[in-house]
Amino acid sequence: MSQIEDQYNEFTNAITQTVSNVDVDLLVKMMYLERKLPDAPPKVELTIDYNPGTNIQNKEGAIRAKYGFPMNVGEHGLTLVGQMTVPLIEELSKDRDVKFITGKATPASY
């Protein structure tokens, strides 16, 4: 493995230690897009999986009230779509009922 690959692995491991319940690849892609296109946060399709026994409808209502994202309710979680930032994902990940967050980030439309 090259020195650059080792440094990348250290970087991603550090992110995982900070937010262990979020897909590192999603965060890296979002940070890349935020820096390349600083005028508009990336468009993200975010999937939040919750721990068993979590009342998904309560989570949906709280997220909709606070952020206003359109979303779909699934069996184990929520799918949100909208312009999002890394700090927002970090905030969502702090909910003790969140099992894992993943998604796809693309450049936002202007």
N, C-alpha and C. Protein backbone atom coordinates (compact mmCIF):
# COMPACT_ATOMS: atom_id res chain seq x y z
N MET A 1 0.85 -1.18 0.00
CA MET A 1 0.00 0.00 0.00
C MET A 1 0.89 1.24 0.00
N SER A 2 0.49 2.24 -0.73
CA SER A 2 1.30 3.45 -0.85
C SER A 2 1.11 4.35 0.37
N GLN A 3 1.99 5.31 0.49
CA GLN A 3 1.93 6.27 1.59
C GLN A 3 0.62 7.08 1.53
N ILE A 4 0.21 7.44 0.33
CA ILE A 4 -1.03 8.22 0.16
C ILE A 4 -2.23 7.39 0.60
N GLU A 5 -2.24 6.11 0.24
CA GLU A 5 -3.34 5.25 0.66
C GLU A 5 -3.38 5.08 2.18
N ASP A 6 -2.21 4.98 2.78
CA ASP A 6 -2.14 4.90 4.25
C ASP A 6 -2.70 6.17 4.89
N GLN A 7 -2.36 7.33 4.33
CA GLN A 7 -2.86 8.60 4.86
C GLN A 7 -4.39 8.69 4.69
N TYR A 8 -4.89 8.21 3.56
CA TYR A 8 -6.33 8.22 3.34
C TYR A 8 -7.02 7.33 4.36
N ASN A 9 -6.47 6.15 4.60
CA ASN A 9 -7.05 5.24 5.59
C ASN A 9 -7.04 5.86 6.99
N GLU A 10 -5.99 6.56 7.34
CA GLU A 10 -5.93 7.25 8.63
C GLU A 10 -7.01 8.32 8.71
N PHE A 11 -7.18 9.06 7.63
CA PHE A 11 -8.19 10.11 7.56
C PHE A 11 -9.59 9.53 7.74
N THR A 12 -9.91 8.48 7.00
CA THR A 12 -11.25 7.90 7.10
C THR A 12 -11.47 7.24 8.46
N ASN A 13 -10.45 6.66 9.03
CA ASN A 13 -10.56 6.07 10.37
C ASN A 13 -10.84 7.15 11.41
N ALA A 14 -10.22 8.31 11.26
CA ALA A 14 -10.46 9.42 12.18
C ALA A 14 -11.91 9.89 12.09
N ILE A 15 -12.45 9.94 10.88
CA ILE A 15 -13.86 10.33 10.71
C ILE A 15 -14.77 9.30 11.39
N THR A 16 -14.47 8.03 11.19
CA THR A 16 -15.28 6.96 11.79
C THR A 16 -15.26 7.05 13.31
N GLN A 17 -14.14 7.46 13.88
CA GLN A 17 -14.08 7.61 15.34
C GLN A 17 -14.94 8.77 15.82
N THR A 18 -15.09 9.78 14.98
CA THR A 18 -15.90 10.95 15.34
C THR A 18 -17.38 10.67 15.18
N VAL A 19 -17.77 10.09 14.06
CA VAL A 19 -19.17 9.76 13.79
C VAL A 19 -19.23 8.30 13.30
N SER A 20 -19.32 7.41 14.22
CA SER A 20 -19.25 5.98 13.89
C SER A 20 -20.49 5.44 13.20
N ASN A 21 -21.60 6.17 13.27
CA ASN A 21 -22.83 5.67 12.68
C ASN A 21 -23.18 6.36 11.35
N VAL A 22 -22.17 6.92 10.69
CA VAL A 22 -22.38 7.57 9.39
C VAL A 22 -21.40 6.99 8.38
N ASP A 23 -21.88 6.78 7.17
CA ASP A 23 -21.07 6.27 6.06
C ASP A 23 -19.97 7.29 5.74
N VAL A 24 -18.73 6.88 5.91
CA VAL A 24 -17.59 7.76 5.68
C VAL A 24 -17.54 8.23 4.23
N ASP A 25 -17.85 7.34 3.30
CA ASP A 25 -17.80 7.72 1.88
C ASP A 25 -18.77 8.84 1.57
N LEU A 26 -19.94 8.81 2.20
CA LEU A 26 -20.91 9.89 2.02
C LEU A 26 -20.33 11.21 2.52
N LEU A 27 -19.74 11.21 3.70
CA LEU A 27 -19.18 12.45 4.26
C LEU A 27 -18.04 12.99 3.40
N VAL A 28 -17.18 12.12 2.92
CA VAL A 28 -16.06 12.55 2.08
C VAL A 28 -16.58 13.16 0.79
N LYS A 29 -17.58 12.53 0.17
CA LYS A 29 -18.16 13.06 -1.07
C LYS A 29 -18.80 14.43 -0.82
N MET A 30 -19.52 14.55 0.31
CA MET A 30 -20.16 15.83 0.63
C MET A 30 -19.11 16.92 0.84
N MET A 31 -18.04 16.60 1.57
CA MET A 31 -17.00 17.61 1.81
C MET A 31 -16.34 18.02 0.50
N TYR A 32 -16.13 17.07 -0.39
CA TYR A 32 -15.57 17.39 -1.70
C TYR A 32 -16.48 18.36 -2.45
N LEU A 33 -17.77 18.05 -2.51
CA LEU A 33 -18.72 18.90 -3.22
C LEU A 33 -18.86 20.27 -2.56
N GLU A 34 -18.84 20.31 -1.23
CA GLU A 34 -18.93 21.59 -0.53
C GLU A 34 -17.75 22.50 -0.87
N ARG A 35 -16.61 21.93 -1.10
CA ARG A 35 -15.43 22.73 -1.41
C ARG A 35 -15.37 23.10 -2.89
N LYS A 36 -15.79 22.19 -3.75
CA LYS A 36 -15.76 22.46 -5.19
C LYS A 36 -16.85 23.44 -5.60
N LEU A 37 -18.01 23.37 -4.94
CA LEU A 37 -19.15 24.22 -5.28
C LEU A 37 -19.65 24.89 -4.00
N PRO A 38 -18.91 25.86 -3.50
CA PRO A 38 -19.23 26.43 -2.18
C PRO A 38 -20.52 27.25 -2.12
N ASP A 39 -21.09 27.61 -3.26
CA ASP A 39 -22.29 28.44 -3.25
C ASP A 39 -23.58 27.67 -2.98
N ALA A 40 -23.53 26.34 -3.09
CA ALA A 40 -24.74 25.53 -2.88
C ALA A 40 -24.37 24.21 -2.23
N PRO A 41 -24.98 23.90 -1.09
CA PRO A 41 -24.72 22.59 -0.46
C PRO A 41 -25.12 21.46 -1.41
N PRO A 42 -24.49 20.31 -1.29
CA PRO A 42 -24.84 19.20 -2.17
C PRO A 42 -26.29 18.74 -1.97
N LYS A 43 -26.84 18.18 -3.03
CA LYS A 43 -28.15 17.53 -2.93
C LYS A 43 -27.88 16.11 -2.43
N VAL A 44 -28.57 15.73 -1.36
CA VAL A 44 -28.32 14.45 -0.74
C VAL A 44 -29.62 13.66 -0.64
N GLU A 45 -29.53 12.39 -0.99
CA GLU A 45 -30.59 11.44 -0.70
C GLU A 45 -30.09 10.63 0.48
N LEU A 46 -30.61 10.92 1.64
CA LEU A 46 -30.09 10.39 2.90
C LEU A 46 -31.01 9.31 3.44
N THR A 47 -30.43 8.20 3.84
CA THR A 47 -31.17 7.12 4.46
C THR A 47 -30.74 7.00 5.91
N ILE A 48 -31.69 7.14 6.80
CA ILE A 48 -31.43 7.02 8.23
C ILE A 48 -32.11 5.74 8.72
N ASP A 49 -31.30 4.78 9.15
CA ASP A 49 -31.83 3.55 9.74
C ASP A 49 -31.83 3.71 11.25
N TYR A 50 -32.92 3.32 11.86
CA TYR A 50 -33.07 3.45 13.31
C TYR A 50 -32.99 2.09 13.99
N ASN A 51 -32.66 2.11 15.25
CA ASN A 51 -32.61 0.90 16.05
C ASN A 51 -34.00 0.27 16.13
N PRO A 52 -34.07 -1.04 16.27
CA PRO A 52 -35.37 -1.70 16.42
C PRO A 52 -36.14 -1.10 17.60
N GLY A 53 -37.45 -0.99 17.40
CA GLY A 53 -38.30 -0.46 18.46
C GLY A 53 -38.48 1.05 18.44
N THR A 54 -37.77 1.72 17.55
CA THR A 54 -37.88 3.18 17.45
C THR A 54 -39.19 3.54 16.75
N ASN A 55 -39.87 4.55 17.26
CA ASN A 55 -41.10 5.04 16.63
C ASN A 55 -40.71 5.93 15.45
N ILE A 56 -40.76 5.38 14.26
CA ILE A 56 -40.32 6.07 13.05
C ILE A 56 -41.20 7.29 12.76
N GLN A 57 -42.49 7.18 13.03
CA GLN A 57 -43.41 8.30 12.75
C GLN A 57 -43.05 9.51 13.62
N ASN A 58 -42.65 9.28 14.87
CA ASN A 58 -42.21 10.40 15.73
C ASN A 58 -40.96 11.06 15.16
N LYS A 59 -40.02 10.24 14.67
CA LYS A 59 -38.78 10.77 14.08
C LYS A 59 -39.10 11.57 12.83
N GLU A 60 -40.01 11.04 12.02
CA GLU A 60 -40.41 11.74 10.79
C GLU A 60 -40.98 13.12 11.14
N GLY A 61 -41.88 13.18 12.10
CA GLY A 61 -42.49 14.45 12.49
C GLY A 61 -41.48 15.45 13.01
N ALA A 62 -40.55 14.98 13.83
CA ALA A 62 -39.53 15.87 14.40
C ALA A 62 -38.60 16.42 13.32
N ILE A 63 -38.17 15.56 12.40
CA ILE A 63 -37.26 16.01 11.34
C ILE A 63 -37.99 16.94 10.37
N ARG A 64 -39.22 16.59 10.03
CA ARG A 64 -39.99 17.45 9.11
C ARG A 64 -40.21 18.83 9.73
N ALA A 65 -40.55 18.87 11.03
CA ALA A 65 -40.80 20.14 11.71
C ALA A 65 -39.55 21.00 11.79
N LYS A 66 -38.41 20.37 12.04
CA LYS A 66 -37.17 21.13 12.22
C LYS A 66 -36.51 21.52 10.90
N TYR A 67 -36.52 20.61 9.92
CA TYR A 67 -35.75 20.84 8.69
C TYR A 67 -36.60 20.99 7.44
N GLY A 68 -37.81 20.44 7.43
CA GLY A 68 -38.70 20.58 6.28
C GLY A 68 -38.36 19.73 5.07
N PHE A 69 -37.54 18.72 5.23
CA PHE A 69 -37.16 17.88 4.09
C PHE A 69 -38.31 16.97 3.66
N PRO A 70 -38.49 16.81 2.34
CA PRO A 70 -39.41 15.77 1.88
C PRO A 70 -38.81 14.41 2.25
N MET A 71 -39.65 13.47 2.66
CA MET A 71 -39.10 12.17 3.06
C MET A 71 -40.09 11.05 2.84
N ASN A 72 -39.54 9.86 2.79
CA ASN A 72 -40.32 8.64 2.72
C ASN A 72 -40.05 7.84 3.98
N VAL A 73 -41.10 7.19 4.47
CA VAL A 73 -40.97 6.36 5.66
C VAL A 73 -40.84 4.91 5.22
N GLY A 74 -39.80 4.26 5.71
CA GLY A 74 -39.60 2.84 5.42
C GLY A 74 -39.84 2.01 6.67
N GLU A 75 -39.62 0.73 6.54
CA GLU A 75 -39.84 -0.19 7.65
C GLU A 75 -38.90 0.08 8.83
N HIS A 76 -37.65 0.45 8.52
CA HIS A 76 -36.65 0.63 9.57
C HIS A 76 -36.09 2.05 9.64
N GLY A 77 -36.63 2.96 8.84
CA GLY A 77 -36.06 4.29 8.86
C GLY A 77 -36.70 5.25 7.89
N LEU A 78 -35.95 6.30 7.60
CA LEU A 78 -36.42 7.40 6.77
C LEU A 78 -35.46 7.64 5.62
N THR A 79 -36.00 8.13 4.51
CA THR A 79 -35.19 8.61 3.40
C THR A 79 -35.56 10.07 3.18
N LEU A 80 -34.56 10.95 3.31
CA LEU A 80 -34.74 12.39 3.15
C LEU A 80 -34.04 12.83 1.88
N VAL A 81 -34.57 13.86 1.24
CA VAL A 81 -33.94 14.40 0.04
C VAL A 81 -33.90 15.92 0.16
N GLY A 82 -32.72 16.49 -0.11
CA GLY A 82 -32.59 17.94 -0.10
C GLY A 82 -31.14 18.36 -0.03
N GLN A 83 -30.94 19.66 0.00
CA GLN A 83 -29.59 20.19 0.12
C GLN A 83 -29.17 20.09 1.58
N MET A 84 -28.03 19.45 1.81
CA MET A 84 -27.56 19.20 3.17
C MET A 84 -26.07 19.47 3.28
N THR A 85 -25.64 19.71 4.51
CA THR A 85 -24.23 19.94 4.81
C THR A 85 -23.73 18.87 5.77
N VAL A 86 -22.43 18.75 5.87
CA VAL A 86 -21.83 17.79 6.80
C VAL A 86 -22.25 18.08 8.24
N PRO A 87 -22.25 19.34 8.70
CA PRO A 87 -22.70 19.58 10.09
C PRO A 87 -24.14 19.11 10.34
N LEU A 88 -25.01 19.19 9.34
CA LEU A 88 -26.37 18.70 9.50
C LEU A 88 -26.37 17.19 9.70
N ILE A 89 -25.58 16.49 8.91
CA ILE A 89 -25.50 15.03 9.03
C ILE A 89 -24.96 14.66 10.42
N GLU A 90 -23.94 15.40 10.87
CA GLU A 90 -23.40 15.16 12.21
C GLU A 90 -24.49 15.34 13.27
N GLU A 91 -25.29 16.38 13.12
CA GLU A 91 -26.37 16.65 14.08
C GLU A 91 -27.38 15.51 14.08
N LEU A 92 -27.79 15.06 12.90
CA LEU A 92 -28.74 13.95 12.81
C LEU A 92 -28.17 12.68 13.42
N SER A 93 -26.88 12.47 13.28
CA SER A 93 -26.25 11.23 13.77
C SER A 93 -26.19 11.16 15.29
N LYS A 94 -26.37 12.28 15.96
CA LYS A 94 -26.29 12.31 17.42
C LYS A 94 -27.54 11.76 18.10
N ASP A 95 -28.60 11.55 17.34
CA ASP A 95 -29.82 10.95 17.89
C ASP A 95 -29.47 9.53 18.34
N ARG A 96 -29.71 9.22 19.59
CA ARG A 96 -29.31 7.92 20.15
C ARG A 96 -30.06 6.75 19.50
N ASP A 97 -31.15 7.03 18.81
CA ASP A 97 -31.91 5.98 18.15
C ASP A 97 -31.40 5.67 16.74
N VAL A 98 -30.47 6.48 16.23
CA VAL A 98 -29.95 6.26 14.88
C VAL A 98 -28.98 5.09 14.89
N LYS A 99 -29.27 4.12 14.05
CA LYS A 99 -28.38 2.97 13.89
C LYS A 99 -27.27 3.28 12.89
N PHE A 100 -27.66 3.79 11.70
CA PHE A 100 -26.67 4.11 10.67
C PHE A 100 -27.27 5.07 9.66
N ILE A 101 -26.43 5.96 9.15
CA ILE A 101 -26.83 6.92 8.12
C ILE A 101 -25.96 6.69 6.89
N THR A 102 -26.60 6.61 5.75
CA THR A 102 -25.89 6.48 4.49
C THR A 102 -26.64 7.29 3.44
N GLY A 103 -26.13 7.35 2.24
CA GLY A 103 -26.83 8.09 1.20
C GLY A 103 -25.95 8.37 0.00
N LYS A 104 -26.49 9.23 -0.86
CA LYS A 104 -25.79 9.64 -2.08
C LYS A 104 -25.79 11.16 -2.14
N ALA A 105 -24.65 11.72 -2.51
CA ALA A 105 -24.54 13.18 -2.66
C ALA A 105 -24.17 13.51 -4.09
N THR A 106 -24.84 14.53 -4.62
CA THR A 106 -24.56 14.99 -5.97
C THR A 106 -24.52 16.53 -5.94
N PRO A 107 -23.95 17.15 -6.97
CA PRO A 107 -23.98 18.62 -6.99
C PRO A 107 -25.41 19.12 -7.02
N ALA A 108 -25.68 20.17 -6.29
CA ALA A 108 -27.02 20.76 -6.25
C ALA A 108 -27.27 21.52 -7.55
N SER A 109 -28.53 21.59 -7.92
CA SER A 109 -28.92 22.39 -9.09
C SER A 109 -28.93 23.85 -8.72
N TYR A 110 -28.54 24.68 -9.65
CA TYR A 110 -28.54 26.12 -9.40
C TYR A 110 -29.79 26.73 -9.93
